[in-house]
Amino acid sequence: GGAASPDGRWVVLRTHTYVSFFAADEFVTGNAHQVFRFDVTALREPQGEGVAIANNGSMLLVGEGGAKHHPGTFARATCTMPPHS
């Protein structure tokens, strides 16, 4: 999954194990370098899929369920973003 922060400063891309943060102005030019990586393995999601950034800076993460008896996951995380000009 991927998303942009509400203020337009960050683009985030997630895998099953981490979320990578990129400066949006660099990302759109194709000159993106990962600025920050947030590990999400502690969530133990069967299959992590989506990510969004809320207005308050919280990161919202969703994952698919494993089967009928294993529902999907929803988690909220907060991380301090590095400064970016």
C-alpha atoms as a PDB file:
ATOM      1  CA  GLY A   1       0.000   0.000   0.000  1.00  0.00           C
ATOM      2  CA  GLY A   2       0.934   3.621  -0.302  1.00  0.00           C
ATOM      3  CA  ALA A   3      -0.304   7.032   0.786  1.00  0.00           C
ATOM      4  CA  ALA A   4       0.628  10.685   1.101  1.00  0.00           C
ATOM      5  CA  SER A   5       0.526  12.729   4.282  1.00  0.00           C
ATOM      6  CA  PRO A   6      -2.305  15.294   4.519  1.00  0.00           C
ATOM      7  CA  ASP A   7       0.224  18.155   4.470  1.00  0.00           C
ATOM      8  CA  GLY A   8       1.776  16.819   1.245  1.00  0.00           C
ATOM      9  CA  ARG A   9       5.274  16.500   2.702  1.00  0.00           C
ATOM     10  CA  TRP A  10       5.558  12.708   2.819  1.00  0.00           C
ATOM     11  CA  VAL A  11       4.849   9.669   0.677  1.00  0.00           C
ATOM     12  CA  VAL A  12       4.723   6.339   2.496  1.00  0.00           C
ATOM     13  CA  LEU A  13       4.981   2.872   0.994  1.00  0.00           C
ATOM     14  CA  ARG A  14       4.476  -0.271   3.000  1.00  0.00           C
ATOM     15  CA  THR A  15       5.546  -3.859   2.699  1.00  0.00           C
ATOM     16  CA  HIS A  16       4.597  -6.732   4.965  1.00  0.00           C
ATOM     17  CA  THR A  17       7.436  -5.833   7.337  1.00  0.00           C
ATOM     18  CA  TYR A  18       7.971  -2.060   7.256  1.00  0.00           C
ATOM     19  CA  VAL A  19       6.716   1.331   6.101  1.00  0.00           C
ATOM     20  CA  SER A  20       9.159   3.546   4.184  1.00  0.00           C
ATOM     21  CA  PHE A  21       8.884   7.334   4.276  1.00  0.00           C
ATOM     22  CA  PHE A  22       9.998   9.507   1.362  1.00  0.00           C
ATOM     23  CA  ALA A  23      10.007  13.283   0.918  1.00  0.00           C
ATOM     24  CA  ALA A  24       7.107  13.917  -1.486  1.00  0.00           C
ATOM     25  CA  ASP A  25       8.924  16.597  -3.498  1.00  0.00           C
ATOM     26  CA  GLU A  26      11.743  14.134  -4.246  1.00  0.00           C
ATOM     27  CA  PHE A  27       9.397  11.195  -4.769  1.00  0.00           C
ATOM     28  CA  VAL A  28       7.439  12.858  -7.580  1.00  0.00           C
ATOM     29  CA  THR A  29      10.631  13.731  -9.471  1.00  0.00           C
ATOM     30  CA  GLY A  30      11.848  10.129  -9.357  1.00  0.00           C
ATOM     31  CA  ASN A  31      14.763  11.069  -7.130  1.00  0.00           C
ATOM     32  CA  ALA A  32      13.385   9.436  -3.997  1.00  0.00           C
ATOM     33  CA  HIS A  33      15.578   8.290  -1.138  1.00  0.00           C
ATOM     34  CA  GLN A  34      14.118   6.580   1.901  1.00  0.00           C
ATOM     35  CA  VAL A  35      14.246   9.052   4.788  1.00  0.00           C
ATOM     36  CA  PHE A  36      12.816   6.858   7.523  1.00  0.00           C
ATOM     37  CA  ARG A  37      11.729   3.220   7.952  1.00  0.00           C
ATOM     38  CA  PHE A  38       9.146   2.083  10.508  1.00  0.00           C
ATOM     39  CA  ASP A  39       9.151  -1.631  11.408  1.00  0.00           C
ATOM     40  CA  VAL A  40       5.657  -3.194  11.589  1.00  0.00           C
ATOM     41  CA  THR A  41       6.602  -6.830  12.249  1.00  0.00           C
ATOM     42  CA  ALA A  42       5.400  -6.541  15.859  1.00  0.00           C
ATOM     43  CA  LEU A  43       1.821  -6.323  14.506  1.00  0.00           C
ATOM     44  CA  ARG A  44       2.063  -9.978  13.390  1.00  0.00           C
ATOM     45  CA  GLU A  45      -0.344  -9.351  10.540  1.00  0.00           C
ATOM     46  CA  PRO A  46      -1.186 -12.362   8.352  1.00  0.00           C
ATOM     47  CA  GLN A  47      -0.763 -10.068   5.343  1.00  0.00           C
ATOM     48  CA  GLY A  48      -0.223  -6.335   5.868  1.00  0.00           C
ATOM     49  CA  GLU A  49      -1.692  -4.323   3.008  1.00  0.00           C
ATOM     50  CA  GLY A  50      -2.815  -0.729   3.520  1.00  0.00           C
ATOM     51  CA  VAL A  51      -1.397   2.402   5.068  1.00  0.00           C
ATOM     52  CA  ALA A  52      -2.712   5.935   5.570  1.00  0.00           C
ATOM     53  CA  ILE A  53      -1.491   9.006   7.433  1.00  0.00           C
ATOM     54  CA  ALA A  54      -4.084  10.803   9.569  1.00  0.00           C
ATOM     55  CA  ASN A  55      -4.267  14.575  10.089  1.00  0.00           C
ATOM     56  CA  ASN A  56      -2.677  14.197  13.538  1.00  0.00           C
ATOM     57  CA  GLY A  57       0.324  12.313  12.096  1.00  0.00           C
ATOM     58  CA  SER A  58      -0.808   8.864  13.198  1.00  0.00           C
ATOM     59  CA  MET A  59      -0.154   6.038  10.788  1.00  0.00           C
ATOM     60  CA  LEU A  60      -3.129   3.746  10.159  1.00  0.00           C
ATOM     61  CA  LEU A  61      -2.352   0.199   9.047  1.00  0.00           C
ATOM     62  CA  VAL A  62      -4.711  -2.494   7.769  1.00  0.00           C
ATOM     63  CA  GLY A  63      -4.120  -6.100   6.861  1.00  0.00           C
ATOM     64  CA  GLU A  64      -6.028  -8.952   5.296  1.00  0.00           C
ATOM     65  CA  GLY A  65      -7.347 -11.748   7.444  1.00  0.00           C
ATOM     66  CA  GLY A  66      -5.902 -15.220   7.263  1.00  0.00           C
ATOM     67  CA  ALA A  67      -9.222 -17.033   6.836  1.00  0.00           C
ATOM     68  CA  LYS A  68     -12.837 -16.974   7.981  1.00  0.00           C
ATOM     69  CA  HIS A  69     -11.804 -17.371  11.622  1.00  0.00           C
ATOM     70  CA  HIS A  70      -8.923 -14.867  11.388  1.00  0.00           C
ATOM     71  CA  PRO A  71     -10.305 -11.400  10.691  1.00  0.00           C
ATOM     72  CA  GLY A  72      -8.287  -8.598   9.157  1.00  0.00           C
ATOM     73  CA  THR A  73      -6.219  -6.271  11.295  1.00  0.00           C
ATOM     74  CA  PHE A  74      -6.348  -2.549  12.013  1.00  0.00           C
ATOM     75  CA  ALA A  75      -3.616  -0.740  13.937  1.00  0.00           C
ATOM     76  CA  ARG A  76      -2.603   2.815  14.695  1.00  0.00           C
ATOM     77  CA  ALA A  77       1.014   3.799  15.209  1.00  0.00           C
ATOM     78  CA  THR A  78       2.711   7.063  16.021  1.00  0.00           C
ATOM     79  CA  CYS A  79       6.231   7.862  15.000  1.00  0.00           C
ATOM     80  CA  THR A  80       8.214  11.073  15.139  1.00  0.00           C
ATOM     81  CA  MET A  81       9.075  12.222  11.663  1.00  0.00           C
ATOM     82  CA  PRO A  82      12.495  13.639  10.909  1.00  0.00           C
ATOM     83  CA  PRO A  83      12.539  17.298   9.830  1.00  0.00           C
ATOM     84  CA  HIS A  84      12.385  17.949   6.108  1.00  0.00           C
ATOM     85  CA  SER A  85      12.614  21.334   4.460  1.00  0.00           C
END
